[in-house]
Amino acid sequence: MTLTGLRYFVALAEEQHFGRAALRCNVSQPTLSAGIKRLEDELGLPLFERARSGVRLTLSAQPLVAQASRILEQSQDFTEMAREQSDPLSGRFKLAAIHTLGPYLFPDLIPAMLERAPNMPLILEEGFTADLRKALREGQIDAAIVALPFTETDVVTLPLYDEPFEVLMSAEDRLNDRESISRDDLIRDDLMLLGEGHCLRDQILDACPALEERMKSSSAPTLTQGSSLETLRHMVAGGLGITVLPASAVGAGRYAPGLLTHRPFHHDQMKRTVALAWRASFPRPGAITALVEVLKRVAKRINAAPIE
């Protein structure tokens, strides 16, 4: 039994005429007739009643038409899927990013990827590093944009760009007259950071040993914590203190002019390295290459430095 035979069977069942069915299948009438006869012999079952006025399905063949149609549809789906696999830039791509990256990277990434790979729509997710690690390992996503360090068995991790941290503050803050900020300037009671569990918090503390040591002290004041970078920025705008944000998330221009300002650090370690992670067995390396290319290009738009 062949797909061609099933195609002849469905066409003749619907057209009820050998000539029209042959035309629909783009074959001669004798070819179609021979194909139907061959299928009947293989099944051991008469499929059609033939008469001068035309043909019609036998009673026993009627339930087979719907099944044959489903088989042909599934065959088409299989062919389309195979075509997607042969073209790495065709078909959906599941991409995830950590919470402190996604909202600030996706607005530039999406249009750039639509231009670079219009037939590869992105399905986007956000999550904590631990959740993305699990999703990547279990094949729930194709790739993840994370901050280093990030290691996982059988996963390739490629550094993409370095993004500097900046201090966001009120325009009236005493640090506003500085051109750049030192790490020691963060040792103050009104510093606000993300809560525990966010890798960005850990990265800031790792880069500021004195700050981390102070926070461990029992006499240190309780640190005001935010659940997201957006929340931290809003609290700074509300006059609660200062915070440290990646350059892409500063967003001081979203508020009234003269309300907020931001300054870079003069210590070159105050940054994070953003990377793309994917399973070593992922079957579409061309999609990864295109994504890396676009991500490095987008990095320049968010004041980050691509890693060559």
Protein backbone atom coordinates (compact mmCIF):
# COMPACT_ATOMS: atom_id res chain seq x y z
CA MET A 1 0.00 0.00 0.00
CA THR A 2 1.36 3.43 -0.95
CA LEU A 3 0.43 7.01 -0.26
CA THR A 4 -0.16 7.43 -3.99
CA GLY A 5 -2.75 4.64 -3.88
CA LEU A 6 -4.50 6.29 -0.95
CA ARG A 7 -4.46 9.61 -2.77
CA TYR A 8 -6.15 8.00 -5.79
CA PHE A 9 -8.70 6.37 -3.48
CA VAL A 10 -9.67 9.63 -1.74
CA ALA A 11 -9.83 11.56 -5.03
CA LEU A 12 -12.10 8.99 -6.67
CA ALA A 13 -14.29 8.71 -3.58
CA GLU A 14 -14.86 12.46 -3.60
CA GLU A 15 -15.13 13.00 -7.37
CA GLN A 16 -17.07 9.78 -8.14
CA HIS A 17 -15.69 9.95 -11.66
CA PHE A 18 -12.47 8.44 -13.04
CA GLY A 19 -11.76 11.30 -15.42
CA ARG A 20 -12.16 14.05 -12.84
CA ALA A 21 -10.20 12.09 -10.22
CA ALA A 22 -7.36 11.49 -12.69
CA LEU A 23 -7.28 15.19 -13.56
CA ARG A 24 -7.19 16.09 -9.86
CA CYS A 25 -4.25 13.71 -9.28
CA ASN A 26 -2.51 14.91 -12.45
CA VAL A 27 -2.29 11.40 -13.94
CA SER A 28 -3.91 9.60 -16.83
CA GLN A 29 -7.19 7.76 -16.31
CA PRO A 30 -5.64 4.30 -16.95
CA THR A 31 -2.92 5.05 -14.37
CA LEU A 32 -5.49 5.98 -11.75
CA SER A 33 -7.65 2.98 -12.57
CA ALA A 34 -4.66 0.64 -12.28
CA GLY A 35 -3.72 2.21 -8.94
CA ILE A 36 -7.23 1.69 -7.54
CA LYS A 37 -7.24 -1.93 -8.74
CA ARG A 38 -3.86 -2.53 -7.10
CA LEU A 39 -5.12 -1.09 -3.81
CA GLU A 40 -8.24 -3.27 -3.92
CA ASP A 41 -6.08 -6.35 -4.52
CA GLU A 42 -3.79 -5.47 -1.59
CA LEU A 43 -6.75 -4.94 0.74
CA GLY A 44 -8.74 -7.90 -0.57
CA LEU A 45 -11.72 -5.60 -0.64
CA PRO A 46 -13.75 -3.98 -3.44
CA LEU A 47 -13.70 -0.23 -2.89
CA PHE A 48 -15.97 1.01 -5.67
CA GLU A 49 -19.04 -0.05 -7.61
CA ARG A 50 -18.46 0.73 -11.27
CA ALA A 51 -21.33 1.61 -13.59
CA ARG A 52 -21.87 3.52 -16.86
CA SER A 53 -23.12 6.51 -14.88
CA GLY A 54 -19.97 6.64 -12.78
CA VAL A 55 -18.55 5.08 -9.61
CA ARG A 56 -19.55 5.05 -5.97
CA LEU A 57 -18.03 3.68 -2.80
CA THR A 58 -18.98 0.26 -1.64
CA LEU A 59 -20.60 0.10 1.78
CA SER A 60 -17.50 -1.52 3.30
CA ALA A 61 -15.20 1.19 1.85
CA GLN A 62 -17.11 4.19 3.19
CA PRO A 63 -15.45 4.22 6.66
CA LEU A 64 -12.02 4.02 5.03
CA VAL A 65 -12.19 7.39 3.31
CA ALA A 66 -11.85 9.45 6.49
CA GLN A 67 -8.97 7.27 7.70
CA ALA A 68 -7.17 7.56 4.36
CA SER A 69 -7.61 11.35 4.47
CA ARG A 70 -6.09 11.49 7.96
CA ILE A 71 -3.12 9.41 6.81
CA LEU A 72 -2.52 11.79 3.91
CA GLU A 73 -2.76 14.82 6.23
CA GLN A 74 -0.30 13.26 8.68
CA SER A 75 2.03 12.51 5.79
CA GLN A 76 1.91 16.18 4.80
CA ASP A 77 2.62 17.22 8.40
CA PHE A 78 5.58 14.84 8.46
CA THR A 79 6.92 16.33 5.23
CA GLU A 80 6.54 19.87 6.58
CA MET A 81 8.30 18.92 9.80
CA ALA A 82 11.17 17.35 7.87
CA ARG A 83 11.40 20.48 5.73
CA GLU A 84 11.67 22.60 8.87
CA GLN A 85 14.48 20.40 10.13
CA SER A 86 16.35 20.70 6.84
CA ASP A 87 16.09 24.50 7.07
CA PRO A 88 17.33 25.58 10.52
CA LEU A 89 15.75 29.01 10.13
CA SER A 90 12.29 27.59 9.53
CA GLY A 91 9.93 26.61 12.34
CA ARG A 92 9.33 27.88 15.84
CA PHE A 93 12.20 28.44 18.27
CA LYS A 94 11.63 28.36 22.04
CA LEU A 95 13.85 30.95 23.70
CA ALA A 96 13.93 31.83 27.40
CA ALA A 97 15.74 34.51 29.37
CA ILE A 98 16.24 35.30 33.02
CA HIS A 99 13.88 37.93 34.48
CA THR A 100 16.52 40.67 34.60
CA LEU A 101 17.28 40.26 30.88
CA GLY A 102 14.09 39.41 29.03
CA PRO A 103 12.07 42.64 29.41
CA TYR A 104 15.02 44.80 28.31
CA LEU A 105 16.40 42.57 25.56
CA PHE A 106 13.27 41.22 23.86
CA PRO A 107 11.98 44.58 22.48
CA ASP A 108 15.14 44.92 20.34
CA LEU A 109 15.66 41.21 19.74
CA ILE A 110 12.22 40.41 18.30
CA PRO A 111 12.25 42.80 15.31
CA ALA A 112 15.90 42.00 14.62
CA MET A 113 15.15 38.26 14.51
CA LEU A 114 12.09 38.82 12.32
CA GLU A 115 14.37 40.53 9.84
CA ARG A 116 17.12 37.90 10.08
CA ALA A 117 14.87 34.80 10.17
CA PRO A 118 11.27 35.68 9.19
CA ASN A 119 10.23 32.01 9.10
CA MET A 120 11.48 31.27 12.62
CA PRO A 121 9.03 32.85 15.10
CA LEU A 122 10.28 33.04 18.67
CA ILE A 123 8.30 31.55 21.54
CA LEU A 124 9.51 33.56 24.54
CA GLU A 125 9.66 32.73 28.24
CA GLU A 126 11.20 34.24 31.36
CA GLY A 127 12.34 32.52 34.53
CA PHE A 128 14.92 32.19 37.25
CA THR A 129 18.27 30.66 36.32
CA ALA A 130 17.49 27.40 38.11
CA ASP A 131 14.18 27.05 36.28
CA LEU A 132 15.77 27.72 32.89
CA ARG A 133 18.51 25.21 33.66
CA LYS A 134 15.87 22.53 34.25
CA ALA A 135 13.79 23.52 31.22
CA LEU A 136 16.86 23.41 29.00
CA ARG A 137 17.94 20.03 30.31
CA GLU A 138 14.48 18.53 29.79
CA GLY A 139 14.05 19.94 26.28
CA GLN A 140 11.21 22.33 27.19
CA ILE A 141 13.13 25.22 25.60
CA ASP A 142 15.65 25.33 22.77
CA ALA A 143 18.02 27.91 24.26
CA ALA A 144 18.34 30.25 27.24
CA ILE A 145 19.85 33.70 27.66
CA VAL A 146 21.53 33.75 31.05
CA ALA A 147 24.19 35.54 33.06
CA LEU A 148 27.45 33.78 33.82
CA PRO A 149 28.44 31.69 35.63
CA PHE A 150 26.22 29.00 34.13
CA THR A 151 27.29 25.37 33.81
CA GLU A 152 25.23 22.30 32.98
CA THR A 153 26.13 18.83 31.73
CA ASP A 154 25.82 18.44 27.94
CA VAL A 155 24.99 22.14 27.54
CA VAL A 156 27.06 24.58 25.47
CA THR A 157 27.41 28.08 26.94
CA LEU A 158 28.67 30.90 24.72
CA PRO A 159 29.46 34.36 26.22
CA LEU A 160 27.74 37.06 24.14
CA TYR A 161 28.42 40.44 25.69
CA ASP A 162 29.44 42.31 28.82
CA GLU A 163 26.82 44.65 30.24
CA PRO A 164 27.96 47.31 32.74
CA PHE A 165 26.12 48.05 35.98
CA GLU A 166 25.08 51.60 36.77
CA VAL A 167 23.85 53.38 39.89
CA LEU A 168 20.36 54.84 39.62
CA MET A 169 19.57 57.69 41.99
CA SER A 170 17.51 60.79 42.55
CA ALA A 171 18.78 63.84 40.70
CA GLU A 172 19.22 65.43 44.12
CA ASP A 173 21.35 62.60 45.55
CA ARG A 174 24.80 63.54 46.84
CA LEU A 175 26.41 61.20 44.27
CA ASN A 176 24.91 63.15 41.41
CA ASP A 177 27.95 65.43 41.13
CA ARG A 178 30.26 62.46 40.46
CA GLU A 179 31.21 61.41 36.93
CA SER A 180 31.52 57.80 38.09
CA ILE A 181 30.80 55.82 41.24
CA SER A 182 33.09 53.69 43.39
CA ARG A 183 32.05 50.42 44.96
CA ASP A 184 32.50 51.94 48.43
CA ASP A 185 29.83 54.50 47.60
CA LEU A 186 27.28 51.67 47.79
CA ILE A 187 27.87 51.15 51.49
CA ARG A 188 24.94 53.21 52.69
CA ASP A 189 21.68 52.47 54.47
CA ASP A 190 19.37 53.37 51.60
CA LEU A 191 20.85 50.98 49.00
CA MET A 192 18.15 48.74 47.49
CA LEU A 193 18.77 45.42 45.72
CA LEU A 194 16.79 42.49 44.40
CA GLY A 195 15.75 39.83 46.90
CA GLU A 196 17.59 36.59 47.50
CA GLY A 197 17.37 34.07 44.70
CA HIS A 198 18.14 36.57 41.93
CA CYS A 199 21.49 35.96 40.27
CA LEU A 200 21.91 39.70 39.67
CA ARG A 201 21.94 40.33 43.42
CA ASP A 202 24.67 37.71 43.85
CA GLN A 203 26.72 39.20 41.04
CA ILE A 204 26.61 42.68 42.59
CA LEU A 205 27.61 41.37 46.01
CA ASP A 206 30.41 39.25 44.52
CA ALA A 207 31.80 42.36 42.83
CA CYS A 208 31.55 44.37 46.09
CA PRO A 209 33.21 42.34 48.88
CA ALA A 210 32.93 45.19 51.40
CA LEU A 211 29.21 45.50 50.78
CA GLU A 212 28.68 41.77 51.13
CA GLU A 213 30.66 41.73 54.38
CA ARG A 214 28.61 44.61 55.76
CA MET A 215 25.35 42.85 54.94
CA LYS A 216 26.50 39.81 56.91
CA SER A 217 27.01 41.94 59.98
CA SER A 218 24.31 41.59 62.62
CA SER A 219 24.42 45.34 63.24
CA ALA A 220 23.79 46.25 59.60
CA PRO A 221 20.37 47.80 58.82
CA THR A 222 17.84 45.67 56.96
CA LEU A 223 18.30 46.07 53.22
CA THR A 224 15.27 47.22 51.26
CA GLN A 225 14.58 44.59 48.60
CA GLY A 226 12.66 44.67 45.35
CA SER A 227 10.96 41.82 43.52
CA SER A 228 12.00 43.10 40.08
CA LEU A 229 14.19 45.73 38.47
CA GLU A 230 11.07 47.69 37.60
CA THR A 231 10.08 47.78 41.26
CA LEU A 232 13.54 48.95 42.30
CA ARG A 233 13.43 51.76 39.74
CA HIS A 234 10.01 52.87 40.94
CA MET A 235 11.22 52.93 44.55
CA VAL A 236 14.18 55.09 43.58
CA ALA A 237 11.76 57.42 41.80
CA GLY A 238 9.74 57.47 45.01
CA GLY A 239 12.73 58.80 46.96
CA LEU A 240 13.57 55.63 48.94
CA GLY A 241 17.26 55.46 47.99
CA ILE A 242 19.62 54.26 45.30
CA THR A 243 19.99 50.98 43.44
CA VAL A 244 22.30 49.17 41.02
CA LEU A 245 20.88 48.14 37.64
CA PRO A 246 22.23 46.73 34.40
CA ALA A 247 22.65 49.49 31.81
CA SER A 248 19.74 48.17 29.73
CA ALA A 249 17.32 48.47 32.68
CA VAL A 250 18.18 51.96 33.94
CA GLY A 251 15.24 53.60 32.15
CA ALA A 252 15.60 56.99 33.85
CA GLY A 253 14.05 58.64 30.81
CA ARG A 254 10.68 57.03 31.59
CA TYR A 255 10.10 59.53 34.38
CA ALA A 256 9.63 63.29 34.51
CA PRO A 257 12.72 65.24 33.41
CA GLY A 258 15.10 65.95 36.28
CA LEU A 259 13.68 63.28 38.59
CA LEU A 260 16.26 60.50 38.16
CA THR A 261 19.86 60.26 37.03
CA HIS A 262 22.40 57.46 36.70
CA ARG A 263 26.15 57.09 36.80
CA PRO A 264 28.59 54.36 35.70
CA PHE A 265 31.11 52.69 37.99
CA HIS A 266 34.77 53.47 37.54
CA HIS A 267 35.62 49.88 38.51
CA ASP A 268 35.62 47.70 35.39
CA GLN A 269 34.43 44.60 37.25
CA MET A 270 31.00 46.12 37.88
CA LYS A 271 29.33 44.31 35.03
CA ARG A 272 27.70 41.02 34.10
CA THR A 273 28.51 38.68 31.23
CA VAL A 274 25.46 37.55 29.28
CA ALA A 275 25.59 34.19 27.51
CA LEU A 276 23.49 31.90 25.34
CA ALA A 277 23.10 28.29 26.49
CA TRP A 278 21.77 25.37 24.46
CA ARG A 279 21.94 21.58 24.49
CA ALA A 280 24.97 20.15 22.71
CA SER A 281 22.61 17.78 20.86
CA PHE A 282 20.30 20.54 19.56
CA PRO A 283 19.68 19.63 15.87
CA ARG A 284 19.48 23.18 14.42
CA PRO A 285 22.93 24.74 14.79
CA GLY A 286 22.11 27.24 12.05
CA ALA A 287 19.36 28.70 14.24
CA ILE A 288 21.84 29.12 17.10
CA THR A 289 24.31 30.86 14.79
CA ALA A 290 21.66 33.31 13.60
CA LEU A 291 20.51 34.00 17.15
CA VAL A 292 24.07 34.65 18.37
CA GLU A 293 24.68 37.01 15.47
CA VAL A 294 21.54 39.03 16.24
CA LEU A 295 22.11 39.08 20.01
CA LYS A 296 25.59 40.52 19.58
CA ARG A 297 24.23 43.16 17.24
CA VAL A 298 21.44 44.06 19.67
CA ALA A 299 23.98 44.31 22.52
CA LYS A 300 25.34 47.51 21.03
CA ARG A 301 21.90 49.12 21.19
CA ILE A 302 21.68 48.52 24.96
CA ASN A 303 25.15 49.92 25.70
CA ALA A 304 26.74 46.49 26.12
CA ALA A 305 30.06 45.30 24.68
CA PRO A 306 29.86 42.22 22.39
CA ILE A 307 32.44 39.53 23.05
CA GLU A 308 34.20 38.41 19.90
